[in-house]
Amino acid sequence: MTTIIHSHVLDLKNVGDLMSSPITYFPFTGMENRKLDIHYLNPSFNPPEAGVQDSVTLETVEKIQQKHLIVGGGGLLYETFKPCYKNLEEVFPRSGGKRIAWGIGQQIYSGTRRDSDSLPEQLNKVKTTFNYGDYLDSFDLVGIRDYGFAYDWVPCVTCMHPGFEQKRSPQHEFVVFSHKKFQISLPGFPHTTNASADLGEILDFLASGETILTSSFHGAYWGTLLGRKVVMFPFSTKFMTLKYLPGVYPVQEWRQKGFYFRPFKETFLNKFVIDLRYKNKYGCDLSEWQTVVKKALVYPDILEEHRARNRWFYQRVMETLNP
């Protein structure tokens, strides 16, 4: 029996990555389906001793004779993952099956320089320079979540989650949904992060707000699909590739949290100290967020459009796998 290997990031502390595989929403009958964390495709990856939960190992995949590959979704068009794509010929030889990309997108982190442009303005310029061919030239079928580029637009497949069909009334004027690394600190509002494995609970939380303030790509995407007003705080180009842009906060820069200074009498040699509680966490100035809320657009009827694109692509995938 032919096997489909579904490869994406299997991270129980990132609900967007975890839930972005089409195997969660579409049937691939007549074939065996296995999940592979995409990090295994990197020859330099040193997996944890217990392995990655719900993922087969690369050794298991290499033993499968008849196999297809579906990569996606998530922000997998990113420099960190480039070795994974270069290694495809070793693991998925061209003669052995099809390679399909479903709902993946670019990521460029920029804006470290100071100039008159805000970070989102810089990212909006930089996104047009992304070289998709470096990642996708060897694929048989490609659908990307990035809108307005030279590939079929296939938005993140999480739009197929049944939680979007539930009608909910807002309970709060504002809710805050932070990326676990890029955090929005606005005391007084309900707050959670993407460090979750339960998309249904996250949708309940997002829908509880009339307006969603978020530094998460998926938070912005899901909030918009829910018909809520959204203000997003971007940190990479992926935010600027959405077809329906919510309010965009003009972040100037993200600064790592936890750097502070103590006088000589308290620390050795008067050094700067890093508070490990905030390791790899960043914050930004939030002084003008209310101004952006007033200008943010709401898109009340776009869910079906996103679902229709995924259903269309599913048919193309099945035709490609079963010519």
Protein backbone atom coordinates (compact mmCIF):
# COMPACT_ATOMS: atom_id res chain seq x y z
CA MET A 1 0.00 0.00 0.00
CA THR A 2 1.20 3.50 -0.84
CA THR A 3 1.90 5.79 2.11
CA ILE A 4 1.42 9.55 2.34
CA ILE A 5 3.91 11.27 4.61
CA HIS A 6 2.39 14.45 6.04
CA SER A 7 5.24 16.71 7.13
CA HIS A 8 4.93 19.87 9.20
CA VAL A 9 5.96 21.10 12.66
CA LEU A 10 4.48 18.87 15.36
CA ASP A 11 4.73 21.27 18.28
CA LEU A 12 2.30 20.74 21.16
CA LYS A 13 3.10 24.28 22.31
CA ASN A 14 2.22 25.99 19.04
CA VAL A 15 -1.41 25.38 18.12
CA GLY A 16 -1.07 26.96 14.68
CA ASP A 17 1.75 24.69 13.55
CA LEU A 18 0.23 21.64 15.20
CA MET A 19 -3.19 21.96 13.56
CA SER A 20 -2.13 23.05 10.09
CA SER A 21 -1.86 19.65 8.39
CA PRO A 22 -4.54 18.69 5.84
CA ILE A 23 -4.67 15.15 7.26
CA THR A 24 -6.60 16.66 10.19
CA TYR A 25 -9.43 17.80 7.91
CA PHE A 26 -9.49 15.70 4.72
CA PRO A 27 -9.69 11.95 4.06
CA PHE A 28 -6.89 10.26 2.13
CA THR A 29 -8.55 6.89 1.79
CA GLY A 30 -6.91 3.95 0.11
CA MET A 31 -3.48 5.00 1.37
CA GLU A 32 -1.69 4.76 4.68
CA ASN A 33 -1.10 8.13 6.34
CA ARG A 34 1.86 8.91 8.60
CA LYS A 35 3.05 12.17 10.17
CA LEU A 36 6.67 13.30 10.09
CA ASP A 37 7.93 16.35 11.94
CA ILE A 38 9.70 18.34 9.22
CA HIS A 39 12.76 18.83 11.43
CA TYR A 40 13.63 15.16 10.82
CA LEU A 41 14.38 16.06 7.19
CA ASN A 42 17.26 18.25 8.31
CA PRO A 43 20.44 16.10 8.34
CA SER A 44 21.71 18.12 11.33
CA PHE A 45 18.60 17.56 13.44
CA ASN A 46 19.29 15.94 16.79
CA PRO A 47 15.90 14.55 17.88
CA PRO A 48 15.00 14.23 21.55
CA GLU A 49 15.60 10.80 23.02
CA ALA A 50 11.86 10.14 23.27
CA GLY A 51 11.31 11.32 19.69
CA VAL A 52 8.76 13.90 18.57
CA GLN A 53 5.23 13.09 19.70
CA ASP A 54 2.96 11.67 16.96
CA SER A 55 5.83 11.66 14.44
CA VAL A 56 7.46 8.70 12.79
CA THR A 57 11.24 8.79 12.52
CA LEU A 58 13.24 9.41 9.39
CA GLU A 59 14.50 5.83 9.52
CA THR A 60 10.91 4.59 9.32
CA VAL A 61 10.17 6.82 6.34
CA GLU A 62 13.28 5.70 4.47
CA LYS A 63 12.15 2.07 4.71
CA ILE A 64 8.81 2.82 3.00
CA GLN A 65 9.09 1.99 -0.69
CA GLN A 66 5.96 3.60 -2.13
CA LYS A 67 5.37 7.02 -0.65
CA HIS A 68 4.16 10.52 -1.43
CA LEU A 69 5.01 13.68 0.50
CA ILE A 70 2.64 16.46 1.54
CA VAL A 71 4.42 19.37 3.23
CA GLY A 72 2.26 21.80 5.18
CA GLY A 73 1.01 23.88 6.45
CA GLY A 74 2.77 26.57 8.43
CA GLY A 75 5.55 29.08 7.80
CA LEU A 76 7.87 26.44 6.38
CA LEU A 77 9.38 28.62 3.64
CA TYR A 78 12.03 29.89 5.96
CA GLU A 79 15.82 29.77 6.02
CA THR A 80 15.85 27.42 9.01
CA PHE A 81 14.03 24.76 6.96
CA LYS A 82 16.08 25.09 3.77
CA PRO A 83 18.27 22.04 4.62
CA CYS A 84 15.05 19.99 4.88
CA TYR A 85 14.11 20.80 1.29
CA LYS A 86 17.63 20.14 0.04
CA ASN A 87 17.48 16.70 1.62
CA LEU A 88 14.28 15.66 -0.14
CA GLU A 89 16.04 13.80 -2.95
CA GLU A 90 17.65 11.49 -0.42
CA VAL A 91 14.42 10.67 1.40
CA PHE A 92 11.82 11.11 -1.36
CA PRO A 93 13.46 10.27 -4.70
CA ARG A 94 11.62 11.63 -7.73
CA SER A 95 10.86 8.13 -8.99
CA GLY A 96 9.17 7.16 -5.74
CA GLY A 97 6.14 9.42 -5.62
CA LYS A 98 4.75 12.94 -5.67
CA ARG A 99 5.78 15.99 -3.68
CA ILE A 100 3.02 18.40 -2.72
CA ALA A 101 3.09 21.67 -0.78
CA TRP A 102 -0.19 22.61 0.87
CA GLY A 103 -0.80 25.98 2.51
CA ILE A 104 2.79 26.82 3.42
CA GLY A 105 4.16 30.34 3.52
CA GLN A 106 7.21 32.54 3.62
CA GLN A 107 8.93 34.02 6.62
CA ILE A 108 11.52 36.77 6.59
CA TYR A 109 12.44 38.47 9.82
CA SER A 110 13.50 42.04 9.14
CA GLY A 111 13.38 45.54 10.52
CA THR A 112 16.46 45.54 12.73
CA ARG A 113 17.69 48.73 11.11
CA ARG A 114 16.25 52.05 12.19
CA ASP A 115 14.70 54.24 9.49
CA SER A 116 11.50 56.17 8.88
CA ASP A 117 9.49 53.05 7.99
CA SER A 118 7.71 51.04 10.65
CA LEU A 119 8.47 47.33 10.85
CA PRO A 120 5.27 46.34 8.94
CA GLU A 121 6.16 48.80 6.16
CA GLN A 122 9.61 47.25 5.89
CA LEU A 123 8.15 43.73 5.88
CA ASN A 124 5.66 44.66 3.18
CA LYS A 125 8.56 45.65 0.94
CA VAL A 126 10.78 42.71 1.80
CA LYS A 127 8.09 40.07 1.13
CA THR A 128 8.30 40.72 -2.62
CA THR A 129 11.98 39.66 -2.65
CA PHE A 130 11.29 36.15 -1.37
CA ASN A 131 12.61 33.39 -3.67
CA TYR A 132 9.99 30.63 -3.58
CA GLY A 133 11.88 28.60 -6.17
CA ASP A 134 14.65 27.86 -3.68
CA TYR A 135 12.14 25.70 -1.82
CA LEU A 136 9.48 24.64 -4.31
CA ASP A 137 11.07 23.95 -7.70
CA SER A 138 11.15 20.18 -7.06
CA PHE A 139 7.45 19.93 -6.11
CA ASP A 140 4.78 18.46 -8.36
CA LEU A 141 1.92 20.54 -6.96
CA VAL A 142 2.10 23.75 -4.94
CA GLY A 143 -0.42 25.79 -3.01
CA ILE A 144 0.83 28.58 -0.76
CA ARG A 145 -1.00 30.56 1.90
CA ASP A 146 0.66 33.78 0.70
CA TYR A 147 -1.67 35.87 -1.44
CA GLY A 148 -0.64 37.66 -4.61
CA PHE A 149 2.36 35.57 -5.67
CA ALA A 150 3.06 33.32 -8.66
CA TYR A 151 1.59 30.16 -7.11
CA ASP A 152 -1.94 29.04 -6.38
CA TRP A 153 -3.30 30.64 -3.25
CA VAL A 154 -4.37 28.02 -0.73
CA PRO A 155 -4.97 29.58 2.70
CA CYS A 156 -4.11 27.73 5.88
CA VAL A 157 -6.23 24.58 6.11
CA THR A 158 -7.16 25.31 9.73
CA CYS A 159 -10.11 27.22 8.26
CA MET A 160 -11.75 23.78 7.92
CA HIS A 161 -11.95 23.33 11.71
CA PRO A 162 -15.58 22.82 12.79
CA GLY A 163 -15.13 25.37 15.57
CA PHE A 164 -15.61 28.15 13.05
CA GLU A 165 -19.22 27.06 12.55
CA GLN A 166 -20.19 27.74 16.16
CA LYS A 167 -22.02 31.01 16.79
CA ARG A 168 -20.63 32.91 19.79
CA SER A 169 -21.40 36.30 21.30
CA PRO A 170 -18.52 38.52 22.46
CA GLN A 171 -18.01 38.67 26.22
CA HIS A 172 -15.23 41.27 26.29
CA GLU A 173 -14.42 44.48 24.45
CA PHE A 174 -10.81 43.34 23.91
CA VAL A 175 -8.87 40.09 24.21
CA VAL A 176 -5.13 39.62 23.73
CA PHE A 177 -3.68 36.60 21.93
CA SER A 178 0.11 36.65 21.94
CA HIS A 179 2.67 34.56 20.13
CA LYS A 180 4.56 32.83 22.93
CA LYS A 181 7.79 34.63 21.97
CA PHE A 182 6.41 37.99 20.81
CA GLN A 183 4.19 39.10 23.64
CA ILE A 184 1.66 41.92 23.94
CA SER A 185 1.55 43.25 27.49
CA LEU A 186 -1.74 45.05 28.11
CA PRO A 187 -2.85 44.39 31.69
CA GLY A 188 -6.57 44.34 32.32
CA PHE A 189 -7.62 42.38 29.24
CA PRO A 190 -8.12 38.60 28.99
CA HIS A 191 -4.88 37.16 27.64
CA THR A 192 -3.51 33.85 26.39
CA THR A 193 -0.84 32.64 23.97
CA ASN A 194 -0.48 30.18 21.12
CA ALA A 195 1.30 27.71 23.44
CA SER A 196 -1.65 25.35 23.27
CA ALA A 197 -2.72 22.16 21.51
CA ASP A 198 -6.48 22.80 21.53
CA LEU A 199 -7.69 24.88 18.59
CA GLY A 200 -11.32 24.68 19.73
CA GLU A 201 -10.46 26.36 23.03
CA ILE A 202 -8.43 29.03 21.23
CA LEU A 203 -11.34 29.81 18.89
CA ASP A 204 -13.63 30.14 21.90
CA PHE A 205 -11.18 32.57 23.45
CA LEU A 206 -10.75 34.66 20.30
CA ALA A 207 -14.50 34.81 19.69
CA SER A 208 -15.05 36.06 23.24
CA GLY A 209 -13.63 39.43 22.22
CA GLU A 210 -15.21 42.15 20.11
CA THR A 211 -11.66 43.11 19.11
CA ILE A 212 -8.62 40.83 19.09
CA LEU A 213 -5.12 42.20 19.68
CA THR A 214 -2.60 39.64 18.49
CA SER A 215 1.06 39.05 17.67
CA SER A 216 0.24 35.60 16.27
CA PHE A 217 -0.16 35.03 12.52
CA HIS A 218 -2.80 32.41 13.15
CA GLY A 219 -4.44 34.62 15.74
CA ALA A 220 -4.88 37.30 13.09
CA TYR A 221 -6.07 34.74 10.53
CA TRP A 222 -8.52 32.98 12.82
CA GLY A 223 -9.86 36.21 14.30
CA THR A 224 -10.56 37.56 10.83
CA LEU A 225 -12.32 34.33 9.81
CA LEU A 226 -14.45 34.63 12.95
CA GLY A 227 -15.65 38.02 11.75
CA ARG A 228 -14.02 39.92 14.61
CA LYS A 229 -12.12 43.17 14.42
CA VAL A 230 -8.42 42.35 14.63
CA VAL A 231 -5.28 44.39 15.21
CA MET A 232 -2.07 42.46 14.51
CA PHE A 233 1.46 43.23 15.69
CA PRO A 234 3.75 41.75 12.98
CA PHE A 235 7.25 40.36 13.44
CA SER A 236 7.84 38.68 10.05
CA THR A 237 6.67 38.92 6.44
CA LYS A 238 4.07 36.18 6.94
CA PHE A 239 1.63 38.67 8.44
CA MET A 240 1.78 40.86 5.35
CA THR A 241 0.89 37.97 3.00
CA LEU A 242 -2.67 37.57 4.27
CA LYS A 243 -5.32 38.20 1.61
CA TYR A 244 -7.51 40.10 4.06
CA LEU A 245 -5.35 42.36 6.17
CA PRO A 246 -6.72 43.33 9.57
CA GLY A 247 -5.54 46.41 11.40
CA VAL A 248 -1.74 46.60 11.34
CA TYR A 249 -0.03 48.10 14.35
CA PRO A 250 3.07 50.10 13.28
CA VAL A 251 5.57 48.21 15.41
CA GLN A 252 8.92 49.99 15.40
CA GLU A 253 10.94 47.10 16.78
CA TRP A 254 10.70 44.06 19.02
CA ARG A 255 13.10 44.11 21.96
CA GLN A 256 14.15 41.14 24.01
CA LYS A 257 12.70 41.24 27.50
CA GLY A 258 14.63 40.72 30.70
CA PHE A 259 17.65 42.95 30.13
CA TYR A 260 18.20 45.15 33.13
CA PHE A 261 21.04 46.78 35.05
CA ARG A 262 21.97 46.42 38.69
CA PRO A 263 24.56 48.54 40.52
CA PHE A 264 28.01 47.17 41.35
CA LYS A 265 27.14 46.35 44.95
CA GLU A 266 24.52 43.80 43.78
CA THR A 267 26.22 42.11 40.83
CA PHE A 268 29.68 40.95 39.86
CA LEU A 269 31.65 43.50 37.83
CA ASN A 270 28.60 45.66 37.18
CA LYS A 271 27.37 43.37 34.37
CA PHE A 272 24.05 43.41 32.59
CA VAL A 273 21.84 40.57 33.75
CA ILE A 274 19.44 38.46 31.70
CA ASP A 275 16.31 37.35 33.52
CA LEU A 276 15.91 33.75 32.33
CA ARG A 277 12.15 33.93 32.79
CA TYR A 278 12.08 36.08 29.63
CA LYS A 279 14.65 34.23 27.58
CA ASN A 280 13.70 34.42 23.87
CA LYS A 281 10.69 36.62 24.62
CA TYR A 282 10.20 40.00 23.02
CA GLY A 283 8.02 43.05 23.53
CA CYS A 284 7.29 46.29 21.70
CA ASP A 285 5.95 49.77 22.37
CA LEU A 286 2.13 49.69 22.51
CA SER A 287 1.31 53.36 22.99
CA GLU A 288 -0.81 53.87 19.84
CA TRP A 289 -2.83 50.65 19.63
CA GLN A 290 -6.20 52.31 20.22
CA THR A 291 -5.73 54.48 17.14
CA VAL A 292 -5.29 51.38 14.97
CA VAL A 293 -8.41 49.74 16.43
CA LYS A 294 -10.55 52.59 15.11
CA LYS A 295 -9.31 52.03 11.54
CA ALA A 296 -9.30 48.21 11.50
CA LEU A 297 -11.57 46.51 8.95
CA VAL A 298 -13.91 43.60 9.61
CA TYR A 299 -14.49 40.86 7.01
CA PRO A 300 -17.72 39.11 8.03
CA ASP A 301 -18.19 36.62 5.18
CA ILE A 302 -14.83 35.19 4.10
CA LEU A 303 -14.81 31.78 5.78
CA GLU A 304 -16.47 29.95 2.89
CA GLU A 305 -14.03 31.44 0.37
CA HIS A 306 -11.10 30.05 2.34
CA ARG A 307 -12.74 26.66 2.73
CA ALA A 308 -13.64 26.48 -0.96
CA ARG A 309 -9.99 27.05 -1.94
CA ASN A 310 -8.93 24.16 0.29
CA ARG A 311 -11.63 21.86 -1.06
CA TRP A 312 -10.55 22.76 -4.59
CA PHE A 313 -6.92 22.05 -3.78
CA TYR A 314 -7.84 18.75 -2.15
CA GLN A 315 -9.37 17.64 -5.45
CA ARG A 316 -6.18 18.63 -7.28
CA VAL A 317 -4.11 16.70 -4.74
CA MET A 318 -6.19 13.56 -5.19
CA GLU A 319 -5.94 13.85 -8.98
CA THR A 320 -2.17 14.21 -8.65
CA LEU A 321 -1.88 11.17 -6.38
CA ASN A 322 -4.29 9.08 -8.46
CA PRO A 323 -3.72 10.07 -12.12
